[in-house]
Every structure is written in C-alpha cells, then in structure tokens.
Amino acid sequence: MHEEGISIWFFIGISLLVNGVLIAGAGAWEMIHPPANPLLLVAGIFYCVKFRPHRGAQSQAAASR
C-alpha cells in the first residue's frame, strides 16, 4: 500500500503565511515607531521617478524601425 505524503503546496502555504505575518508585523511596528532616517524611502522614490518607463520611448523605438 502506498501512503500519500503531504503535498508540497501545504509547505508553500505555511511559508507564505509565516512571511505574511512577519511582513505585516514589521509594517505595523514601523507605523507605530517610524524610522528615524527614512533614507531608503527617499532613495526608492528617487529611483522610481528617475527610471520610470516612458510610453514615448516605446513609440519612438517602434517608429524608428
């Protein structure tokens, strides 16, 4: 007789649950105790704005073909 093992998706679900709880806890902690130096936030905003994809660049590349 073959015994059915535990599905890998069960362990993936546990991993997602644990990571979600940890991330939610860290977010709640930072809302209660904001960081003293939010440099990473400022740097992230800068890079997102500076290197955002432009629709015009795609149109120009398609037109030059």
PDB file of N, CA and C in Angstrom:
ATOM      1  N   MET A   1       0.836  -1.176   0.000  1.00  0.00           N
ATOM      2  CA  MET A   1       0.000   0.000   0.000  1.00  0.00           C
ATOM      3  C   MET A   1       0.888   1.250   0.000  1.00  0.00           C
ATOM      4  N   HIS A   2       0.400   2.225  -0.693  1.00  0.00           N
ATOM      5  CA  HIS A   2       1.111   3.500  -0.744  1.00  0.00           C
ATOM      6  C   HIS A   2       0.436   4.494   0.178  1.00  0.00           C
ATOM      7  N   GLU A   3       1.234   5.087   1.020  1.00  0.00           N
ATOM      8  CA  GLU A   3       0.704   6.167   1.850  1.00  0.00           C
ATOM      9  C   GLU A   3       0.927   7.473   1.112  1.00  0.00           C
ATOM     10  N   GLU A   4      -0.104   8.307   1.120  1.00  0.00           N
ATOM     11  CA  GLU A   4       0.057   9.599   0.469  1.00  0.00           C
ATOM     12  C   GLU A   4       0.819  10.526   1.394  1.00  0.00           C
ATOM     13  N   GLY A   5       1.801  11.198   0.835  1.00  0.00           N
ATOM     14  CA  GLY A   5       2.582  12.156   1.613  1.00  0.00           C
ATOM     15  C   GLY A   5       1.853  13.487   1.673  1.00  0.00           C
ATOM     16  N   ILE A   6       2.471  14.383   2.365  1.00  0.00           N
ATOM     17  CA  ILE A   6       1.915  15.729   2.478  1.00  0.00           C
ATOM     18  C   ILE A   6       2.303  16.492   1.226  1.00  0.00           C
ATOM     19  N   SER A   7       1.372  17.190   0.662  1.00  0.00           N
ATOM     20  CA  SER A   7       1.602  17.944  -0.559  1.00  0.00           C
ATOM     21  C   SER A   7       2.595  19.076  -0.324  1.00  0.00           C
ATOM     22  N   ILE A   8       3.422  19.333  -1.331  1.00  0.00           N
ATOM     23  CA  ILE A   8       4.374  20.436  -1.257  1.00  0.00           C
ATOM     24  C   ILE A   8       3.647  21.768  -1.117  1.00  0.00           C
ATOM     25  N   TRP A   9       2.434  21.859  -1.633  1.00  0.00           N
ATOM     26  CA  TRP A   9       1.665  23.107  -1.572  1.00  0.00           C
ATOM     27  C   TRP A   9       1.280  23.462  -0.144  1.00  0.00           C
ATOM     28  N   PHE A  10       1.188  22.465   0.723  1.00  0.00           N
ATOM     29  CA  PHE A  10       0.935  22.721   2.136  1.00  0.00           C
ATOM     30  C   PHE A  10       2.104  23.494   2.744  1.00  0.00           C
ATOM     31  N   PHE A  11       3.335  23.066   2.423  1.00  0.00           N
ATOM     32  CA  PHE A  11       4.522  23.734   2.958  1.00  0.00           C
ATOM     33  C   PHE A  11       4.710  25.114   2.342  1.00  0.00           C
ATOM     34  N   ILE A  12       4.363  25.253   1.072  1.00  0.00           N
ATOM     35  CA  ILE A  12       4.420  26.569   0.437  1.00  0.00           C
ATOM     36  C   ILE A  12       3.410  27.500   1.107  1.00  0.00           C
ATOM     37  N   GLY A  13       2.240  26.989   1.414  1.00  0.00           N
ATOM     38  CA  GLY A  13       1.234  27.780   2.115  1.00  0.00           C
ATOM     39  C   GLY A  13       1.705  28.217   3.490  1.00  0.00           C
ATOM     40  N   ILE A  14       2.363  27.324   4.214  1.00  0.00           N
ATOM     41  CA  ILE A  14       2.900  27.681   5.529  1.00  0.00           C
ATOM     42  C   ILE A  14       3.966  28.759   5.382  1.00  0.00           C
ATOM     43  N   SER A  15       4.831  28.613   4.395  1.00  0.00           N
ATOM     44  CA  SER A  15       5.879  29.606   4.161  1.00  0.00           C
ATOM     45  C   SER A  15       5.282  30.975   3.845  1.00  0.00           C
ATOM     46  N   LEU A  16       4.270  31.004   2.988  1.00  0.00           N
ATOM     47  CA  LEU A  16       3.607  32.271   2.656  1.00  0.00           C
ATOM     48  C   LEU A  16       2.928  32.875   3.878  1.00  0.00           C
ATOM     49  N   LEU A  17       2.306  32.047   4.680  1.00  0.00           N
ATOM     50  CA  LEU A  17       1.640  32.525   5.888  1.00  0.00           C
ATOM     51  C   LEU A  17       2.639  33.144   6.861  1.00  0.00           C
ATOM     52  N   VAL A  18       3.741  32.445   7.101  1.00  0.00           N
ATOM     53  CA  VAL A  18       4.751  32.954   8.036  1.00  0.00           C
ATOM     54  C   VAL A  18       5.356  34.255   7.517  1.00  0.00           C
ATOM     55  N   ASN A  19       5.701  34.293   6.242  1.00  0.00           N
ATOM     56  CA  ASN A  19       6.268  35.514   5.671  1.00  0.00           C
ATOM     57  C   ASN A  19       5.268  36.657   5.715  1.00  0.00           C
ATOM     58  N   GLY A  20       4.013  36.388   5.442  1.00  0.00           N
ATOM     59  CA  GLY A  20       2.991  37.423   5.505  1.00  0.00           C
ATOM     60  C   GLY A  20       2.826  37.986   6.909  1.00  0.00           C
ATOM     61  N   VAL A  21       2.857  37.117   7.912  1.00  0.00           N
ATOM     62  CA  VAL A  21       2.743  37.567   9.295  1.00  0.00           C
ATOM     63  C   VAL A  21       3.954  38.425   9.673  1.00  0.00           C
ATOM     64  N   LEU A  22       5.138  37.994   9.273  1.00  0.00           N
ATOM     65  CA  LEU A  22       6.343  38.764   9.583  1.00  0.00           C
ATOM     66  C   LEU A  22       6.339  40.133   8.902  1.00  0.00           C
ATOM     67  N   ILE A  23       5.947  40.182   7.646  1.00  0.00           N
ATOM     68  CA  ILE A  23       5.912  41.449   6.913  1.00  0.00           C
ATOM     69  C   ILE A  23       4.844  42.372   7.496  1.00  0.00           C
ATOM     70  N   ALA A  24       3.673  41.821   7.803  1.00  0.00           N
ATOM     71  CA  ALA A  24       2.606  42.637   8.401  1.00  0.00           C
ATOM     72  C   ALA A  24       3.032  43.163   9.769  1.00  0.00           C
ATOM     73  N   GLY A  25       3.703  42.329  10.553  1.00  0.00           N
ATOM     74  CA  GLY A  25       4.185  42.759  11.859  1.00  0.00           C
ATOM     75  C   GLY A  25       5.226  43.862  11.737  1.00  0.00           C
ATOM     76  N   ALA A  26       6.141  43.722  10.785  1.00  0.00           N
ATOM     77  CA  ALA A  26       7.157  44.761  10.577  1.00  0.00           C
ATOM     78  C   ALA A  26       6.512  46.062  10.115  1.00  0.00           C
ATOM     79  N   GLY A  27       5.500  45.968   9.258  1.00  0.00           N
ATOM     80  CA  GLY A  27       4.803  47.171   8.808  1.00  0.00           C
ATOM     81  C   GLY A  27       4.058  47.853   9.941  1.00  0.00           C
ATOM     82  N   ALA A  28       3.403  47.070  10.769  1.00  0.00           N
ATOM     83  CA  ALA A  28       2.692  47.647  11.918  1.00  0.00           C
ATOM     84  C   ALA A  28       3.675  48.297  12.885  1.00  0.00           C
ATOM     85  N   TRP A  29       4.811  47.653  13.106  1.00  0.00           N
ATOM     86  CA  TRP A  29       5.819  48.209  14.008  1.00  0.00           C
ATOM     87  C   TRP A  29       6.341  49.547  13.477  1.00  0.00           C
ATOM     88  N   GLU A  30       6.574  49.627  12.161  1.00  0.00           N
ATOM     89  CA  GLU A  30       7.082  50.876  11.599  1.00  0.00           C
ATOM     90  C   GLU A  30       6.027  51.971  11.585  1.00  0.00           C
ATOM     91  N   MET A  31       4.761  51.607  11.558  1.00  0.00           N
ATOM     92  CA  MET A  31       3.716  52.632  11.636  1.00  0.00           C
ATOM     93  C   MET A  31       3.658  53.215  13.053  1.00  0.00           C
ATOM     94  N   ILE A  32       3.888  52.372  14.054  1.00  0.00           N
ATOM     95  CA  ILE A  32       3.866  52.824  15.448  1.00  0.00           C
ATOM     96  C   ILE A  32       5.160  53.555  15.789  1.00  0.00           C
ATOM     97  N   HIS A  33       6.286  53.024  15.317  1.00  0.00           N
ATOM     98  CA  HIS A  33       7.610  53.592  15.585  1.00  0.00           C
ATOM     99  C   HIS A  33       8.292  53.894  14.254  1.00  0.00           C
ATOM    100  N   PRO A  34       8.001  55.060  13.650  1.00  0.00           N
ATOM    101  CA  PRO A  34       8.604  55.367  12.343  1.00  0.00           C
ATOM    102  C   PRO A  34      10.125  55.430  12.421  1.00  0.00           C
ATOM    103  N   PRO A  35      10.792  55.068  11.334  1.00  0.00           N
ATOM    104  CA  PRO A  35      12.252  55.100  11.355  1.00  0.00           C
ATOM    105  C   PRO A  35      12.773  56.522  11.503  1.00  0.00           C
ATOM    106  N   ALA A  36      13.906  56.659  12.179  1.00  0.00           N
ATOM    107  CA  ALA A  36      14.484  57.986  12.416  1.00  0.00           C
ATOM    108  C   ALA A  36      15.028  58.590  11.129  1.00  0.00           C
ATOM    109  N   ASN A  37      15.536  57.752  10.226  1.00  0.00           N
ATOM    110  CA  ASN A  37      16.140  58.240   8.992  1.00  0.00           C
ATOM    111  C   ASN A  37      15.555  57.458   7.812  1.00  0.00           C
ATOM    112  N   PRO A  38      14.509  57.969   7.179  1.00  0.00           N
ATOM    113  CA  PRO A  38      13.859  57.222   6.089  1.00  0.00           C
ATOM    114  C   PRO A  38      14.591  57.375   4.755  1.00  0.00           C
ATOM    115  N   LEU A  39      15.919  57.219   4.783  1.00  0.00           N
ATOM    116  CA  LEU A  39      16.724  57.416   3.582  1.00  0.00           C
ATOM    117  C   LEU A  39      16.360  56.413   2.489  1.00  0.00           C
ATOM    118  N   LEU A  40      16.090  55.181   2.868  1.00  0.00           N
ATOM    119  CA  LEU A  40      15.759  54.164   1.871  1.00  0.00           C
ATOM    120  C   LEU A  40      14.474  54.530   1.132  1.00  0.00           C
ATOM    121  N   LEU A  41      13.497  55.072   1.840  1.00  0.00           N
ATOM    122  CA  LEU A  41      12.252  55.507   1.212  1.00  0.00           C
ATOM    123  C   LEU A  41      12.520  56.620   0.202  1.00  0.00           C
ATOM    124  N   VAL A  42      13.318  57.591   0.587  1.00  0.00           N
ATOM    125  CA  VAL A  42      13.640  58.714  -0.304  1.00  0.00           C
ATOM    126  C   VAL A  42      14.404  58.214  -1.531  1.00  0.00           C
ATOM    127  N   ALA A  43      15.375  57.342  -1.329  1.00  0.00           N
ATOM    128  CA  ALA A  43      16.142  56.795  -2.440  1.00  0.00           C
ATOM    129  C   ALA A  43      15.245  55.985  -3.378  1.00  0.00           C
ATOM    130  N   GLY A  44      14.335  55.209  -2.821  1.00  0.00           N
ATOM    131  CA  GLY A  44      13.413  54.423  -3.646  1.00  0.00           C
ATOM    132  C   GLY A  44      12.503  55.293  -4.491  1.00  0.00           C
ATOM    133  N   ILE A  45      11.984  56.357  -3.895  1.00  0.00           N
ATOM    134  CA  ILE A  45      11.135  57.285  -4.645  1.00  0.00           C
ATOM    135  C   ILE A  45      11.936  57.935  -5.765  1.00  0.00           C
ATOM    136  N   PHE A  46      13.169  58.358  -5.466  1.00  0.00           N
ATOM    137  CA  PHE A  46      14.024  58.983  -6.477  1.00  0.00           C
ATOM    138  C   PHE A  46      14.238  58.059  -7.669  1.00  0.00           C
ATOM    139  N   TYR A  47      14.627  56.808  -7.404  1.00  0.00           N
ATOM    140  CA  TYR A  47      14.900  55.879  -8.498  1.00  0.00           C
ATOM    141  C   TYR A  47      13.633  55.517  -9.271  1.00  0.00           C
ATOM    142  N   CYS A  48      12.505  55.394  -8.594  1.00  0.00           N
ATOM    143  CA  CYS A  48      11.251  55.090  -9.286  1.00  0.00           C
ATOM    144  C   CYS A  48      10.853  56.213 -10.236  1.00  0.00           C
ATOM    145  N   VAL A  49      11.067  57.454  -9.809  1.00  0.00           N
ATOM    146  CA  VAL A  49      10.720  58.596 -10.657  1.00  0.00           C
ATOM    147  C   VAL A  49      11.734  58.752 -11.783  1.00  0.00           C
ATOM    148  N   LYS A  50      13.016  58.661 -11.463  1.00  0.00           N
ATOM    149  CA  LYS A  50      14.065  58.885 -12.460  1.00  0.00           C
ATOM    150  C   LYS A  50      14.077  57.820 -13.544  1.00  0.00           C
ATOM    151  N   PHE A  51      13.862  56.567 -13.197  1.00  0.00           N
ATOM    152  CA  PHE A  51      14.000  55.473 -14.151  1.00  0.00           C
ATOM    153  C   PHE A  51      12.669  54.826 -14.529  1.00  0.00           C
ATOM    154  N   ARG A  52      11.561  55.559 -14.369  1.00  0.00           N
ATOM    155  CA  ARG A  52      10.262  55.007 -14.746  1.00  0.00           C
ATOM    156  C   ARG A  52      10.208  54.820 -16.262  1.00  0.00           C
ATOM    157  N   PRO A  53       9.492  53.808 -16.716  1.00  0.00           N
ATOM    158  CA  PRO A  53       9.374  53.601 -18.171  1.00  0.00           C
ATOM    159  C   PRO A  53       8.502  54.684 -18.787  1.00  0.00           C
ATOM    160  N   HIS A  54       8.883  55.115 -19.972  1.00  0.00           N
ATOM    161  CA  HIS A  54       8.141  56.156 -20.683  1.00  0.00           C
ATOM    162  C   HIS A  54       7.415  55.534 -21.864  1.00  0.00           C
ATOM    163  N   ARG A  55       6.178  55.905 -22.047  1.00  0.00           N
ATOM    164  CA  ARG A  55       5.446  55.432 -23.220  1.00  0.00           C
ATOM    165  C   ARG A  55       6.031  56.044 -24.487  1.00  0.00           C
ATOM    166  N   GLY A  56       6.496  57.268 -24.411  1.00  0.00           N
ATOM    167  CA  GLY A  56       7.068  57.939 -25.569  1.00  0.00           C
ATOM    168  C   GLY A  56       8.289  57.215 -26.112  1.00  0.00           C
ATOM    169  N   ALA A  57       9.097  56.632 -25.244  1.00  0.00           N
ATOM    170  CA  ALA A  57      10.294  55.916 -25.678  1.00  0.00           C
ATOM    171  C   ALA A  57       9.918  54.677 -26.478  1.00  0.00           C
ATOM    172  N   GLN A  58       8.853  53.991 -26.099  1.00  0.00           N
ATOM    173  CA  GLN A  58       8.414  52.820 -26.846  1.00  0.00           C
ATOM    174  C   GLN A  58       7.869  53.230 -28.203  1.00  0.00           C
ATOM    175  N   SER A  59       7.134  54.321 -28.259  1.00  0.00           N
ATOM    176  CA  SER A  59       6.579  54.792 -29.517  1.00  0.00           C
ATOM    177  C   SER A  59       7.686  55.232 -30.463  1.00  0.00           C
ATOM    178  N   GLN A  60       8.711  55.907 -29.923  1.00  0.00           N
ATOM    179  CA  GLN A  60       9.822  56.343 -30.761  1.00  0.00           C
ATOM    180  C   GLN A  60      10.612  55.163 -31.290  1.00  0.00           C
ATOM    181  N   ALA A  61      10.817  54.129 -30.461  1.00  0.00           N
ATOM    182  CA  ALA A  61      11.552  52.943 -30.891  1.00  0.00           C
ATOM    183  C   ALA A  61      10.773  52.208 -31.973  1.00  0.00           C
ATOM    184  N   ALA A  62       9.469  52.125 -31.836  1.00  0.00           N
ATOM    185  CA  ALA A  62       8.650  51.444 -32.838  1.00  0.00           C
ATOM    186  C   ALA A  62       8.623  52.230 -34.142  1.00  0.00           C
ATOM    187  N   ALA A  63       8.633  53.552 -34.055  1.00  0.00           N
ATOM    188  CA  ALA A  63       8.578  54.389 -35.251  1.00  0.00           C
ATOM    189  C   ALA A  63       9.894  54.344 -36.009  1.00  0.00           C
ATOM    190  N   SER A  64      11.009  54.125 -35.313  1.00  0.00           N
ATOM    191  CA  SER A  64      12.316  54.127 -35.978  1.00  0.00           C
ATOM    192  C   SER A  64      12.617  52.823 -36.701  1.00  0.00           C
ATOM    193  N   ARG A  65      11.804  51.808 -36.517  1.00  0.00           N
ATOM    194  CA  ARG A  65      12.043  50.506 -37.184  1.00  0.00           C
ATOM    195  C   ARG A  65      11.667  50.535 -38.603  1.00  0.00           C
TER     196      ARG A  65
END
